[in-house]
Amino acid sequence: MTITNAEGEQEKEDMKSNRQDFWATTSNKQLNFVQHIVTILRTTGKAAVVVPDNVLFEGGAGETVRKKLIQNTDLHTILRLPTGIFYAQGVKANVLFFDAKLASKDPWTKEVWYYDYRTNIHHTLKKNPLKFENFDDFISCFKPENRNKRKETWSSDNSEGQWRKFTYDEIISRDKTSLDIFWIKDKSLADLDNLPDPDVLASEIIENIEGSLQSFKTIMTSLNGKEQ
């Protein structure tokens, strides 16, 4: 079993990893991290890997890695986390749960279950820190003892349900095989009477600005590398 996240902050150095056991050659450290975890898993291995959002939607090598991941492993669960939990402020994280499998012509991933613990969720370091009990409902939905007993909390009558599944066909048909999926309405965008506390809003503004700066720095590093 592998439970891990990339150590330290996101690296910006533009160095492509050229490994024959990888599905794609890329300078994206997080995509390489996912590929590395897959290579070290035994046939019966299980992994829980923390990754930033770009792993779920980035094109090019990202699309290749996602297609291979749902083809060659059973990517059964994605937990979407609030910002600033594992990475720098403003960077949104997810936990990918997948099981290693033997080679097969048919995809091992039949459906991916999502738990949205991000939309309308607000945590601060002092007033509302993230605690283990915040994941009690996720663990209950996850059904670690028998995943076949899982039941969605989302339905057409309960659009706020945080636990929802998407089939392989639904995911593979998405643009770039994007795993970046949301369905719960962000209340802060529509209900001005129920906005978070000012300190939470200020923190989120800072996180978004820092996240944008991080994205621009990554783009600039990539462009500078191509120019060389």
Protein backbone atom coordinates (compact mmCIF):
# COMPACT_ATOMS: atom_id res chain seq x y z
CA MET A 1 0.00 0.00 0.00
CA THR A 2 1.26 3.47 -0.88
CA ILE A 3 -0.10 6.60 0.82
CA THR A 4 1.85 9.66 -0.13
CA ASN A 5 2.04 13.18 -1.48
CA ALA A 6 4.90 14.91 -3.27
CA GLU A 7 7.30 16.19 -0.63
CA GLY A 8 7.80 19.93 -0.34
CA GLU A 9 6.50 22.67 -2.60
CA GLN A 10 5.83 22.32 -6.28
CA GLU A 11 9.11 22.43 -8.16
CA LYS A 12 9.49 24.85 -11.03
CA GLU A 13 12.69 23.52 -12.63
CA ASP A 14 12.09 22.60 -16.26
CA MET A 15 13.68 19.15 -16.46
CA LYS A 16 11.96 16.41 -18.40
CA SER A 17 12.02 12.90 -16.96
CA ASN A 18 12.95 10.39 -19.65
CA ARG A 19 12.07 6.98 -18.25
CA GLN A 20 11.10 4.05 -20.43
CA ASP A 21 8.64 2.79 -17.82
CA PHE A 22 6.70 6.08 -17.89
CA TRP A 23 3.67 6.60 -20.15
CA ALA A 24 4.63 10.17 -21.05
CA THR A 25 7.75 12.34 -21.02
CA THR A 26 7.07 15.63 -19.27
CA SER A 27 8.66 18.26 -17.02
CA ASN A 28 5.53 18.29 -14.85
CA LYS A 29 6.78 16.89 -11.54
CA GLN A 30 3.30 15.96 -10.33
CA LEU A 31 2.53 13.90 -13.45
CA ASN A 32 5.90 12.18 -13.10
CA PHE A 33 5.13 11.55 -9.44
CA VAL A 34 1.89 9.73 -10.36
CA GLN A 35 3.68 7.68 -13.01
CA HIS A 36 6.44 6.76 -10.56
CA ILE A 37 3.91 5.56 -7.96
CA VAL A 38 2.29 3.30 -10.58
CA THR A 39 5.67 1.75 -11.47
CA ILE A 40 6.53 0.82 -7.88
CA LEU A 41 3.17 -0.75 -7.01
CA ARG A 42 2.97 -4.50 -6.87
CA THR A 43 0.18 -6.27 -8.77
CA THR A 44 -2.04 -6.18 -5.69
CA GLY A 45 -0.83 -2.74 -4.59
CA LYS A 46 -3.09 0.10 -3.52
CA ALA A 47 -2.26 3.80 -3.66
CA ALA A 48 -3.58 7.06 -2.25
CA VAL A 49 -1.72 9.93 -3.91
CA VAL A 50 -2.13 13.66 -3.25
CA VAL A 51 -1.94 15.77 -6.42
CA PRO A 52 -2.78 19.37 -7.39
CA ASP A 53 -5.68 20.17 -9.73
CA ASN A 54 -3.50 20.47 -12.85
CA VAL A 55 -2.98 16.70 -12.83
CA LEU A 56 -6.73 16.33 -13.38
CA PHE A 57 -7.09 18.64 -16.37
CA GLU A 58 -3.73 19.47 -18.00
CA GLY A 59 -3.53 18.57 -21.68
CA GLY A 60 -0.74 16.87 -23.60
CA ALA A 61 1.15 14.56 -21.27
CA GLY A 62 -1.56 15.03 -18.66
CA GLU A 63 -4.21 13.58 -20.95
CA THR A 64 -1.94 10.64 -21.78
CA VAL A 65 -1.30 9.89 -18.10
CA ARG A 66 -5.01 10.06 -17.21
CA LYS A 67 -6.00 7.73 -20.05
CA LYS A 68 -3.32 5.23 -19.10
CA LEU A 69 -4.21 5.51 -15.42
CA ILE A 70 -7.88 4.61 -15.92
CA GLN A 71 -6.90 1.94 -18.45
CA ASN A 72 -4.15 0.20 -16.47
CA THR A 73 -5.34 0.71 -12.87
CA ASP A 74 -8.64 0.80 -11.06
CA LEU A 75 -8.94 4.52 -10.30
CA HIS A 76 -11.96 4.12 -8.06
CA THR A 77 -12.03 7.28 -5.91
CA ILE A 78 -11.11 10.98 -6.01
CA LEU A 79 -11.34 13.12 -2.87
CA ARG A 80 -11.42 16.85 -3.65
CA LEU A 81 -9.86 18.95 -0.88
CA PRO A 82 -10.00 22.65 0.07
CA THR A 83 -7.16 24.96 -0.93
CA GLY A 84 -3.88 25.18 0.93
CA ILE A 85 -4.12 21.76 2.64
CA PHE A 86 -1.10 19.97 1.16
CA TYR A 87 0.47 22.54 -1.16
CA ALA A 88 1.18 26.26 -1.09
CA GLN A 89 -1.60 28.74 -0.40
CA GLY A 90 -3.98 28.93 -3.36
CA VAL A 91 -3.12 25.46 -4.72
CA LYS A 92 -6.04 23.03 -4.65
CA ALA A 93 -5.35 19.38 -3.89
CA ASN A 94 -7.01 16.03 -4.49
CA VAL A 95 -6.37 12.48 -3.33
CA LEU A 96 -6.39 9.82 -6.05
CA PHE A 97 -7.16 6.29 -4.83
CA PHE A 98 -6.25 3.54 -7.28
CA ASP A 99 -5.39 -0.18 -7.27
CA ALA A 100 -2.69 -1.77 -9.41
CA LYS A 101 -3.82 -4.41 -11.89
CA LEU A 102 -2.37 -6.88 -14.40
CA ALA A 103 -2.15 -5.81 -18.05
CA SER A 104 -5.50 -6.03 -19.84
CA LYS A 105 -6.95 -4.94 -23.18
CA ASP A 106 -10.06 -3.71 -21.36
CA PRO A 107 -9.90 -0.73 -18.98
CA TRP A 108 -9.77 -1.65 -15.30
CA THR A 109 -11.55 1.54 -14.19
CA LYS A 110 -15.29 1.01 -14.53
CA GLU A 111 -16.42 4.02 -12.51
CA VAL A 112 -14.82 6.81 -10.50
CA TRP A 113 -16.42 7.94 -7.25
CA TYR A 114 -15.97 11.59 -6.26
CA TYR A 115 -16.30 13.13 -2.83
CA ASP A 116 -16.45 16.93 -3.02
CA TYR A 117 -15.00 18.26 0.20
CA ARG A 118 -14.18 21.62 -1.39
CA THR A 119 -17.27 23.41 -2.68
CA ASN A 120 -18.77 25.55 0.11
CA ILE A 121 -16.18 24.17 2.55
CA HIS A 122 -14.09 26.71 4.44
CA HIS A 123 -11.19 26.00 6.80
CA THR A 124 -8.79 28.39 8.49
CA LEU A 125 -5.71 27.59 10.54
CA LYS A 126 -7.01 29.27 13.71
CA LYS A 127 -10.83 29.50 13.72
CA ASN A 128 -11.74 26.36 11.79
CA PRO A 129 -8.75 24.04 11.31
CA LEU A 130 -9.14 20.82 9.35
CA LYS A 131 -9.60 17.83 11.67
CA PHE A 132 -9.75 14.06 11.19
CA GLU A 133 -13.45 13.96 12.07
CA ASN A 134 -14.16 16.22 9.08
CA PHE A 135 -13.63 13.10 6.96
CA ASP A 136 -16.00 10.83 8.89
CA ASP A 137 -18.67 11.10 6.20
CA PHE A 138 -16.16 10.46 3.42
CA ILE A 139 -14.89 7.33 5.17
CA SER A 140 -18.47 6.15 5.65
CA CYS A 141 -19.21 6.70 1.94
CA PHE A 142 -15.90 5.14 0.87
CA LYS A 143 -16.86 1.76 2.36
CA PRO A 144 -13.27 0.51 2.76
CA GLU A 145 -14.52 -2.87 3.95
CA ASN A 146 -16.59 -3.45 0.78
CA ARG A 147 -16.63 -0.89 -2.03
CA ASN A 148 -19.47 -2.76 -3.75
CA LYS A 149 -21.82 -1.39 -1.09
CA ARG A 150 -21.25 2.22 -2.07
CA LYS A 151 -24.31 4.41 -2.62
CA GLU A 152 -24.42 7.92 -4.04
CA THR A 153 -25.61 10.74 -1.80
CA TRP A 154 -26.08 12.86 -4.93
CA SER A 155 -29.28 12.47 -6.93
CA SER A 156 -31.56 14.55 -9.14
CA ASP A 157 -33.49 15.33 -5.97
CA ASN A 158 -30.37 16.07 -3.92
CA SER A 159 -28.00 18.14 -6.04
CA GLU A 160 -25.97 19.02 -2.92
CA GLY A 161 -24.91 15.40 -2.36
CA GLN A 162 -21.12 15.28 -2.01
CA TRP A 163 -20.68 11.64 -3.10
CA ARG A 164 -21.23 10.86 -6.78
CA LYS A 165 -19.97 8.38 -9.35
CA PHE A 166 -19.07 8.78 -13.03
CA THR A 167 -18.68 5.87 -15.41
CA TYR A 168 -15.63 5.15 -17.54
CA ASP A 169 -17.57 6.12 -20.69
CA GLU A 170 -18.59 9.46 -19.17
CA ILE A 171 -15.01 10.30 -18.24
CA ILE A 172 -13.31 9.11 -21.44
CA SER A 173 -15.73 11.24 -23.48
CA ARG A 174 -14.79 14.43 -21.63
CA ASP A 175 -12.44 16.94 -23.27
CA LYS A 176 -8.84 15.78 -22.67
CA THR A 177 -10.26 13.01 -20.46
CA SER A 178 -10.52 15.64 -17.74
CA LEU A 179 -11.06 14.36 -14.22
CA ASP A 180 -11.73 17.90 -12.99
CA ILE A 181 -15.43 17.44 -12.17
CA PHE A 182 -17.76 19.53 -10.00
CA TRP A 183 -21.54 19.51 -9.65
CA ILE A 184 -22.39 21.31 -6.38
CA LYS A 185 -23.37 24.96 -6.78
CA ASP A 186 -20.97 27.39 -5.14
CA LYS A 187 -23.25 29.33 -2.79
CA SER A 188 -20.81 32.20 -2.38
CA LEU A 189 -21.31 33.10 -6.06
CA ALA A 190 -25.08 33.48 -5.75
CA ASP A 191 -26.04 34.14 -2.14
CA LEU A 192 -24.54 37.39 -0.89
CA ASP A 193 -26.30 37.00 2.46
CA ASN A 194 -24.36 33.84 3.29
CA LEU A 195 -20.83 34.89 2.47
CA PRO A 196 -18.02 33.50 4.65
CA ASP A 197 -16.51 35.61 7.42
CA PRO A 198 -14.26 38.49 6.26
CA ASP A 199 -11.09 36.71 7.40
CA VAL A 200 -12.07 33.66 5.34
CA LEU A 201 -12.79 35.83 2.28
CA ALA A 202 -9.47 37.65 2.69
CA SER A 203 -7.65 34.33 3.00
CA GLU A 204 -9.33 32.98 -0.14
CA ILE A 205 -8.47 36.14 -2.09
CA ILE A 206 -4.81 35.77 -1.08
CA GLU A 207 -4.89 32.07 -1.98
CA ASN A 208 -6.34 32.80 -5.43
CA ILE A 209 -3.78 35.52 -6.14
CA GLU A 210 -0.90 33.32 -5.01
CA GLY A 211 -2.29 30.41 -7.01
CA SER A 212 -2.47 32.61 -10.12
CA LEU A 213 1.09 33.81 -9.60
CA GLN A 214 2.22 30.20 -9.21
CA SER A 215 0.54 29.30 -12.51
CA PHE A 216 2.15 32.24 -14.33
CA LYS A 217 5.58 31.33 -12.92
CA THR A 218 5.15 27.75 -14.13
CA ILE A 219 4.18 28.98 -17.60
CA MET A 220 7.14 31.37 -17.73
CA THR A 221 9.55 28.62 -16.64
CA SER A 222 8.18 26.35 -19.33
CA LEU A 223 8.48 29.06 -22.00
CA ASN A 224 12.04 29.91 -20.96
CA GLY A 225 12.96 26.25 -21.17
CA LYS A 226 11.59 25.99 -24.72
CA GLU A 227 13.50 29.09 -25.81
CA GLN A 228 16.76 27.49 -24.70
